[in-house]
Amino acid sequence: MSDRGAVRTRLTAGLEQMGIALSGDRTDVMVRYLLLLQRWNRAYNLTAVRAPLEMVSKHLLDSLSVLPYLYGDKLLDVGTGPGLPGIPLAIAAPERTFYLLDSNGKKVRFLHQAVMELGLMNAVVIQARMEAYLPGREFATIVSRAVASVPDLLGLMARLPARPIRLLAMQGKRPAGTELRGLEPSPDTLSVHPIEVPFLSAERHLIEAHYN
């Protein structure tokens, strides 16, 4: 079986386990994204994960695990790297617009290429450091995948005018209670969800904070 066929089979099985229904066309786009990432990764070292089937679980399915928690029409993916979780989410949720924020030049070049090749009209690439980013628009959800601490994300969120807003911080191991005490600004509600990702044995947790 070719890489494309094996990736599609593994992805389809994972989506079924997660209860995520994607059309055949959108599943194909997801596979194209992964193979494009694999191809660019050989030259630009965009991710430490190199095996295509490992990418399915660690990148595609892991990114899609946050899908049920998204809120609103405009979402900011902070420190997206090569588009994780933003591009898989943009493929799966075409009715929403995803803004992909990263400061790394080679990753941003890949993002522009991926958005163009995949025809993602609902993905916008922004090159900026999180600490310096001054958003000119409102976001309903901020999501970040293990690239920034919760206090750092809250510092960015404090500069956003929109309310209500939801912060989704994707993490590995469950954070200690002390890490989530005394957060400023203080969320109205704060939850930590264990996340199950098919074909992945490592721990995954989602920190979900709501600001009304």
C-alpha atoms as a PDB file:
ATOM      1  CA  MET A   1       0.000   0.000   0.000  1.00  0.00           C
ATOM      2  CA  SER A   2       1.317   3.497  -0.851  1.00  0.00           C
ATOM      3  CA  ASP A   3       1.925   6.121   1.824  1.00  0.00           C
ATOM      4  CA  ARG A   4      -1.197   7.921   0.611  1.00  0.00           C
ATOM      5  CA  GLY A   5      -3.340   4.785   0.912  1.00  0.00           C
ATOM      6  CA  ALA A   6      -1.948   3.842   4.330  1.00  0.00           C
ATOM      7  CA  VAL A   7      -2.396   7.377   5.650  1.00  0.00           C
ATOM      8  CA  ARG A   8      -5.980   7.548   4.414  1.00  0.00           C
ATOM      9  CA  THR A   9      -6.830   4.162   5.942  1.00  0.00           C
ATOM     10  CA  ARG A  10      -5.331   5.103   9.326  1.00  0.00           C
ATOM     11  CA  LEU A  11      -6.981   8.546   9.257  1.00  0.00           C
ATOM     12  CA  THR A  12     -10.400   7.128   8.370  1.00  0.00           C
ATOM     13  CA  ALA A  13     -10.182   4.589  11.203  1.00  0.00           C
ATOM     14  CA  GLY A  14      -9.160   7.296  13.671  1.00  0.00           C
ATOM     15  CA  LEU A  15     -11.949   9.642  12.604  1.00  0.00           C
ATOM     16  CA  GLU A  16     -14.466   6.852  13.067  1.00  0.00           C
ATOM     17  CA  GLN A  17     -13.205   6.155  16.586  1.00  0.00           C
ATOM     18  CA  MET A  18     -13.487   9.864  17.428  1.00  0.00           C
ATOM     19  CA  GLY A  19     -16.974  10.170  15.970  1.00  0.00           C
ATOM     20  CA  ILE A  20     -15.868  12.808  13.455  1.00  0.00           C
ATOM     21  CA  ALA A  21     -17.658  12.672  10.102  1.00  0.00           C
ATOM     22  CA  LEU A  22     -15.667  14.120   7.203  1.00  0.00           C
ATOM     23  CA  SER A  23     -16.649  13.930   3.570  1.00  0.00           C
ATOM     24  CA  GLY A  24     -14.394  11.966   1.255  1.00  0.00           C
ATOM     25  CA  ASP A  25     -13.174  15.212  -0.299  1.00  0.00           C
ATOM     26  CA  ARG A  26     -12.178  16.691   3.060  1.00  0.00           C
ATOM     27  CA  THR A  27     -10.468  13.468   4.091  1.00  0.00           C
ATOM     28  CA  ASP A  28      -8.467  13.662   0.854  1.00  0.00           C
ATOM     29  CA  VAL A  29      -7.462  17.259   1.647  1.00  0.00           C
ATOM     30  CA  MET A  30      -6.299  16.140   5.103  1.00  0.00           C
ATOM     31  CA  VAL A  31      -4.153  13.431   3.507  1.00  0.00           C
ATOM     32  CA  ARG A  32      -2.718  15.926   1.007  1.00  0.00           C
ATOM     33  CA  TYR A  33      -1.786  18.251   3.864  1.00  0.00           C
ATOM     34  CA  LEU A  34       0.045  15.492   5.723  1.00  0.00           C
ATOM     35  CA  LEU A  35       1.983  14.385   2.632  1.00  0.00           C
ATOM     36  CA  LEU A  36       2.872  17.999   1.839  1.00  0.00           C
ATOM     37  CA  LEU A  37       4.142  18.423   5.401  1.00  0.00           C
ATOM     38  CA  GLN A  38       6.161  15.221   5.079  1.00  0.00           C
ATOM     39  CA  ARG A  39       7.713  16.434   1.826  1.00  0.00           C
ATOM     40  CA  TRP A  40       8.666  19.856   3.180  1.00  0.00           C
ATOM     41  CA  ASN A  41       9.897  18.313   6.404  1.00  0.00           C
ATOM     42  CA  ARG A  42      12.730  16.547   4.603  1.00  0.00           C
ATOM     43  CA  ALA A  43      14.297  19.885   3.703  1.00  0.00           C
ATOM     44  CA  TYR A  44      13.083  22.286   6.385  1.00  0.00           C
ATOM     45  CA  ASN A  45      12.744  20.154   9.542  1.00  0.00           C
ATOM     46  CA  LEU A  46       9.294  21.493  10.419  1.00  0.00           C
ATOM     47  CA  THR A  47       8.456  18.664  12.840  1.00  0.00           C
ATOM     48  CA  ALA A  48      10.367  15.947  14.669  1.00  0.00           C
ATOM     49  CA  VAL A  49       7.700  13.415  13.663  1.00  0.00           C
ATOM     50  CA  ARG A  50       8.657  11.944  10.277  1.00  0.00           C
ATOM     51  CA  ALA A  51       6.816   8.647   9.744  1.00  0.00           C
ATOM     52  CA  PRO A  52       3.506   9.261   7.902  1.00  0.00           C
ATOM     53  CA  LEU A  53       1.395   6.937  10.074  1.00  0.00           C
ATOM     54  CA  GLU A  54       2.866   8.492  13.207  1.00  0.00           C
ATOM     55  CA  MET A  55       1.957  11.905  11.797  1.00  0.00           C
ATOM     56  CA  VAL A  56      -1.667  10.765  11.458  1.00  0.00           C
ATOM     57  CA  SER A  57      -2.046  10.192  15.199  1.00  0.00           C
ATOM     58  CA  LYS A  58       0.385  12.787  16.591  1.00  0.00           C
ATOM     59  CA  HIS A  59      -0.599  15.603  14.236  1.00  0.00           C
ATOM     60  CA  LEU A  60      -3.925  15.097  12.467  1.00  0.00           C
ATOM     61  CA  LEU A  61      -5.981  13.194  15.039  1.00  0.00           C
ATOM     62  CA  ASP A  62      -4.393  15.021  17.977  1.00  0.00           C
ATOM     63  CA  SER A  63      -5.304  18.366  16.367  1.00  0.00           C
ATOM     64  CA  LEU A  64      -8.862  17.234  15.650  1.00  0.00           C
ATOM     65  CA  SER A  65      -9.393  16.163  19.277  1.00  0.00           C
ATOM     66  CA  VAL A  66     -10.124  19.792  20.171  1.00  0.00           C
ATOM     67  CA  LEU A  67     -12.868  20.106  17.535  1.00  0.00           C
ATOM     68  CA  PRO A  68     -15.825  19.630  19.953  1.00  0.00           C
ATOM     69  CA  TYR A  69     -14.562  22.481  22.164  1.00  0.00           C
ATOM     70  CA  LEU A  70     -14.333  25.219  19.519  1.00  0.00           C
ATOM     71  CA  TYR A  71     -16.477  28.301  19.954  1.00  0.00           C
ATOM     72  CA  GLY A  72     -17.430  31.046  17.522  1.00  0.00           C
ATOM     73  CA  ASP A  73     -16.587  31.877  13.930  1.00  0.00           C
ATOM     74  CA  LYS A  74     -13.073  33.377  14.240  1.00  0.00           C
ATOM     75  CA  LEU A  75     -10.329  31.394  15.946  1.00  0.00           C
ATOM     76  CA  LEU A  76      -6.665  32.181  16.602  1.00  0.00           C
ATOM     77  CA  ASP A  77      -4.093  29.365  16.586  1.00  0.00           C
ATOM     78  CA  VAL A  78      -1.103  30.651  18.588  1.00  0.00           C
ATOM     79  CA  GLY A  79       2.310  29.193  17.742  1.00  0.00           C
ATOM     80  CA  THR A  80       0.798  27.102  14.971  1.00  0.00           C
ATOM     81  CA  GLY A  81       4.187  25.925  13.615  1.00  0.00           C
ATOM     82  CA  PRO A  82       3.418  24.011  10.398  1.00  0.00           C
ATOM     83  CA  GLY A  83      -0.318  24.519  10.961  1.00  0.00           C
ATOM     84  CA  LEU A  84      -1.148  22.436  14.012  1.00  0.00           C
ATOM     85  CA  PRO A  85      -3.894  22.335  15.090  1.00  0.00           C
ATOM     86  CA  GLY A  86      -5.164  25.107  12.797  1.00  0.00           C
ATOM     87  CA  ILE A  87      -4.967  23.505   9.349  1.00  0.00           C
ATOM     88  CA  PRO A  88      -6.617  20.177  10.265  1.00  0.00           C
ATOM     89  CA  LEU A  89      -9.316  22.165  12.087  1.00  0.00           C
ATOM     90  CA  ALA A  90      -9.791  24.482   9.091  1.00  0.00           C
ATOM     91  CA  ILE A  91     -10.231  21.455   6.829  1.00  0.00           C
ATOM     92  CA  ALA A  92     -12.741  19.857   9.223  1.00  0.00           C
ATOM     93  CA  ALA A  93     -14.686  23.070  10.007  1.00  0.00           C
ATOM     94  CA  PRO A  94     -14.941  25.109   6.775  1.00  0.00           C
ATOM     95  CA  GLU A  95     -17.667  27.300   8.272  1.00  0.00           C
ATOM     96  CA  ARG A  96     -15.113  28.849  10.662  1.00  0.00           C
ATOM     97  CA  THR A  97     -12.094  31.055   9.924  1.00  0.00           C
ATOM     98  CA  PHE A  98      -8.739  30.119  11.455  1.00  0.00           C
ATOM     99  CA  TYR A  99      -5.916  32.642  11.888  1.00  0.00           C
ATOM    100  CA  LEU A 100      -2.544  30.873  12.030  1.00  0.00           C
ATOM    101  CA  LEU A 101       0.012  32.815  14.084  1.00  0.00           C
ATOM    102  CA  ASP A 102       3.728  32.000  14.077  1.00  0.00           C
ATOM    103  CA  SER A 103       6.992  33.935  13.992  1.00  0.00           C
ATOM    104  CA  ASN A 104       9.222  31.314  12.328  1.00  0.00           C
ATOM    105  CA  GLY A 105       9.945  32.265   8.714  1.00  0.00           C
ATOM    106  CA  LYS A 106      10.320  28.774   7.235  1.00  0.00           C
ATOM    107  CA  LYS A 107       7.153  27.576   8.951  1.00  0.00           C
ATOM    108  CA  VAL A 108       5.238  30.611   7.740  1.00  0.00           C
ATOM    109  CA  ARG A 109       6.442  29.931   4.183  1.00  0.00           C
ATOM    110  CA  PHE A 110       5.125  26.395   4.486  1.00  0.00           C
ATOM    111  CA  LEU A 111       1.814  27.689   5.832  1.00  0.00           C
ATOM    112  CA  HIS A 112       1.363  30.013   2.850  1.00  0.00           C
ATOM    113  CA  GLN A 113       2.141  27.137   0.466  1.00  0.00           C
ATOM    114  CA  ALA A 114      -0.193  24.716   2.244  1.00  0.00           C
ATOM    115  CA  VAL A 115      -3.085  27.190   2.353  1.00  0.00           C
ATOM    116  CA  MET A 116      -2.642  27.899  -1.359  1.00  0.00           C
ATOM    117  CA  GLU A 117      -2.202  24.271  -2.507  1.00  0.00           C
ATOM    118  CA  LEU A 118      -5.080  22.994  -0.401  1.00  0.00           C
ATOM    119  CA  GLY A 119      -7.398  25.844  -1.370  1.00  0.00           C
ATOM    120  CA  LEU A 120      -8.181  26.741   2.235  1.00  0.00           C
ATOM    121  CA  MET A 121     -10.240  29.907   1.916  1.00  0.00           C
ATOM    122  CA  ASN A 122     -10.884  29.884   5.679  1.00  0.00           C
ATOM    123  CA  ALA A 123      -7.241  29.957   6.824  1.00  0.00           C
ATOM    124  CA  VAL A 124      -5.260  33.197   7.249  1.00  0.00           C
ATOM    125  CA  VAL A 125      -1.504  33.179   7.931  1.00  0.00           C
ATOM    126  CA  ILE A 126      -0.017  35.798  10.294  1.00  0.00           C
ATOM    127  CA  GLN A 127       3.730  36.127  10.918  1.00  0.00           C
ATOM    128  CA  ALA A 128       4.320  37.672  14.350  1.00  0.00           C
ATOM    129  CA  ARG A 129       5.580  36.851  17.818  1.00  0.00           C
ATOM    130  CA  MET A 130       2.837  36.155  20.309  1.00  0.00           C
ATOM    131  CA  GLU A 131       4.280  38.724  22.737  1.00  0.00           C
ATOM    132  CA  ALA A 132       4.224  41.479  20.112  1.00  0.00           C
ATOM    133  CA  TYR A 133       1.031  40.602  18.272  1.00  0.00           C
ATOM    134  CA  LEU A 134      -1.597  43.334  18.402  1.00  0.00           C
ATOM    135  CA  PRO A 135      -4.711  41.818  16.852  1.00  0.00           C
ATOM    136  CA  GLY A 136      -6.859  44.111  14.768  1.00  0.00           C
ATOM    137  CA  ARG A 137      -9.839  41.793  14.971  1.00  0.00           C
ATOM    138  CA  GLU A 138     -11.888  39.904  17.534  1.00  0.00           C
ATOM    139  CA  PHE A 139     -11.534  36.171  18.178  1.00  0.00           C
ATOM    140  CA  ALA A 140     -14.005  33.876  19.904  1.00  0.00           C
ATOM    141  CA  THR A 141     -11.471  31.104  20.624  1.00  0.00           C
ATOM    142  CA  ILE A 142      -7.719  31.062  21.174  1.00  0.00           C
ATOM    143  CA  VAL A 143      -6.134  27.640  20.793  1.00  0.00           C
ATOM    144  CA  SER A 144      -2.525  26.614  21.318  1.00  0.00           C
ATOM    145  CA  ARG A 145      -0.913  23.205  21.071  1.00  0.00           C
ATOM    146  CA  ALA A 146       1.826  22.766  23.688  1.00  0.00           C
ATOM    147  CA  VAL A 147       3.842  25.810  22.613  1.00  0.00           C
ATOM    148  CA  ALA A 148       2.998  28.398  25.257  1.00  0.00           C
ATOM    149  CA  SER A 149       2.239  28.408  28.963  1.00  0.00           C
ATOM    150  CA  VAL A 150      -1.276  29.194  30.123  1.00  0.00           C
ATOM    151  CA  PRO A 151      -0.147  32.493  31.782  1.00  0.00           C
ATOM    152  CA  ASP A 152       1.518  33.570  28.506  1.00  0.00           C
ATOM    153  CA  LEU A 153      -1.648  32.783  26.565  1.00  0.00           C
ATOM    154  CA  LEU A 154      -3.672  34.773  29.086  1.00  0.00           C
ATOM    155  CA  GLY A 155      -1.343  37.718  28.558  1.00  0.00           C
ATOM    156  CA  LEU A 156      -2.232  37.654  24.859  1.00  0.00           C
ATOM    157  CA  MET A 157      -5.897  37.124  25.612  1.00  0.00           C
ATOM    158  CA  ALA A 158      -5.960  40.168  27.897  1.00  0.00           C
ATOM    159  CA  ARG A 159      -5.161  42.320  24.840  1.00  0.00           C
ATOM    160  CA  LEU A 160      -8.206  41.029  22.967  1.00  0.00           C
ATOM    161  CA  PRO A 161     -11.366  43.134  23.211  1.00  0.00           C
ATOM    162  CA  ALA A 162     -13.875  40.361  22.514  1.00  0.00           C
ATOM    163  CA  ARG A 163     -16.010  38.769  25.209  1.00  0.00           C
ATOM    164  CA  PRO A 164     -17.118  36.052  25.616  1.00  0.00           C
ATOM    165  CA  ILE A 165     -13.925  34.263  24.645  1.00  0.00           C
ATOM    166  CA  ARG A 166     -12.627  30.739  25.128  1.00  0.00           C
ATOM    167  CA  LEU A 167      -9.015  29.671  25.701  1.00  0.00           C
ATOM    168  CA  LEU A 168      -8.045  26.108  24.730  1.00  0.00           C
ATOM    169  CA  ALA A 169      -4.533  25.046  25.765  1.00  0.00           C
ATOM    170  CA  MET A 170      -3.606  21.589  24.454  1.00  0.00           C
ATOM    171  CA  GLN A 171      -1.122  19.859  26.772  1.00  0.00           C
ATOM    172  CA  GLY A 172       0.439  16.478  27.365  1.00  0.00           C
ATOM    173  CA  LYS A 173       0.390  15.458  31.030  1.00  0.00           C
ATOM    174  CA  ARG A 174      -2.305  16.810  33.320  1.00  0.00           C
ATOM    175  CA  PRO A 175      -1.054  20.102  34.815  1.00  0.00           C
ATOM    176  CA  ALA A 176      -0.517  20.309  38.555  1.00  0.00           C
ATOM    177  CA  GLY A 177      -3.185  22.225  40.423  1.00  0.00           C
ATOM    178  CA  THR A 178      -0.655  24.849  41.460  1.00  0.00           C
ATOM    179  CA  GLU A 179      -0.019  25.718  37.784  1.00  0.00           C
ATOM    180  CA  LEU A 180      -3.616  26.829  37.358  1.00  0.00           C
ATOM    181  CA  ARG A 181      -4.074  28.791  40.584  1.00  0.00           C
ATOM    182  CA  GLY A 182      -4.060  32.574  40.646  1.00  0.00           C
ATOM    183  CA  LEU A 183      -4.358  33.011  36.877  1.00  0.00           C
ATOM    184  CA  GLU A 184      -4.705  36.594  35.722  1.00  0.00           C
ATOM    185  CA  PRO A 185      -7.129  37.480  34.333  1.00  0.00           C
ATOM    186  CA  SER A 186      -9.112  34.962  36.332  1.00  0.00           C
ATOM    187  CA  PRO A 187     -11.390  32.809  34.146  1.00  0.00           C
ATOM    188  CA  ASP A 188     -15.103  32.540  34.864  1.00  0.00           C
ATOM    189  CA  THR A 189     -14.860  28.780  34.443  1.00  0.00           C
ATOM    190  CA  LEU A 190     -11.806  26.521  34.171  1.00  0.00           C
ATOM    191  CA  SER A 191     -11.798  22.831  33.237  1.00  0.00           C
ATOM    192  CA  VAL A 192      -9.153  20.214  32.480  1.00  0.00           C
ATOM    193  CA  HIS A 193     -10.284  17.459  30.094  1.00  0.00           C
ATOM    194  CA  PRO A 194      -8.428  14.180  29.484  1.00  0.00           C
ATOM    195  CA  ILE A 195      -8.288  13.618  25.716  1.00  0.00           C
ATOM    196  CA  GLU A 196      -8.204  10.242  23.980  1.00  0.00           C
ATOM    197  CA  VAL A 197      -6.404  10.200  20.626  1.00  0.00           C
ATOM    198  CA  PRO A 198      -6.633   7.007  18.540  1.00  0.00           C
ATOM    199  CA  PHE A 199      -3.333   5.138  18.004  1.00  0.00           C
ATOM    200  CA  LEU A 200      -1.621   7.361  20.586  1.00  0.00           C
ATOM    201  CA  SER A 201      -0.695   6.044  24.028  1.00  0.00           C
ATOM    202  CA  ALA A 202       0.789   9.291  25.383  1.00  0.00           C
ATOM    203  CA  GLU A 203      -1.251  11.417  27.768  1.00  0.00           C
ATOM    204  CA  ARG A 204      -3.218  14.337  26.336  1.00  0.00           C
ATOM    205  CA  HIS A 205      -5.164  16.986  28.251  1.00  0.00           C
ATOM    206  CA  LEU A 206      -7.052  20.104  27.281  1.00  0.00           C
ATOM    207  CA  ILE A 207      -7.229  23.157  29.542  1.00  0.00           C
ATOM    208  CA  GLU A 208     -10.434  25.045  28.777  1.00  0.00           C
ATOM    209  CA  ALA A 209     -10.975  28.534  30.206  1.00  0.00           C
ATOM    210  CA  HIS A 210     -14.057  30.685  29.609  1.00  0.00           C
ATOM    211  CA  TYR A 211     -14.229  34.458  29.936  1.00  0.00           C
ATOM    212  CA  ASN A 212     -17.710  35.985  29.789  1.00  0.00           C
END
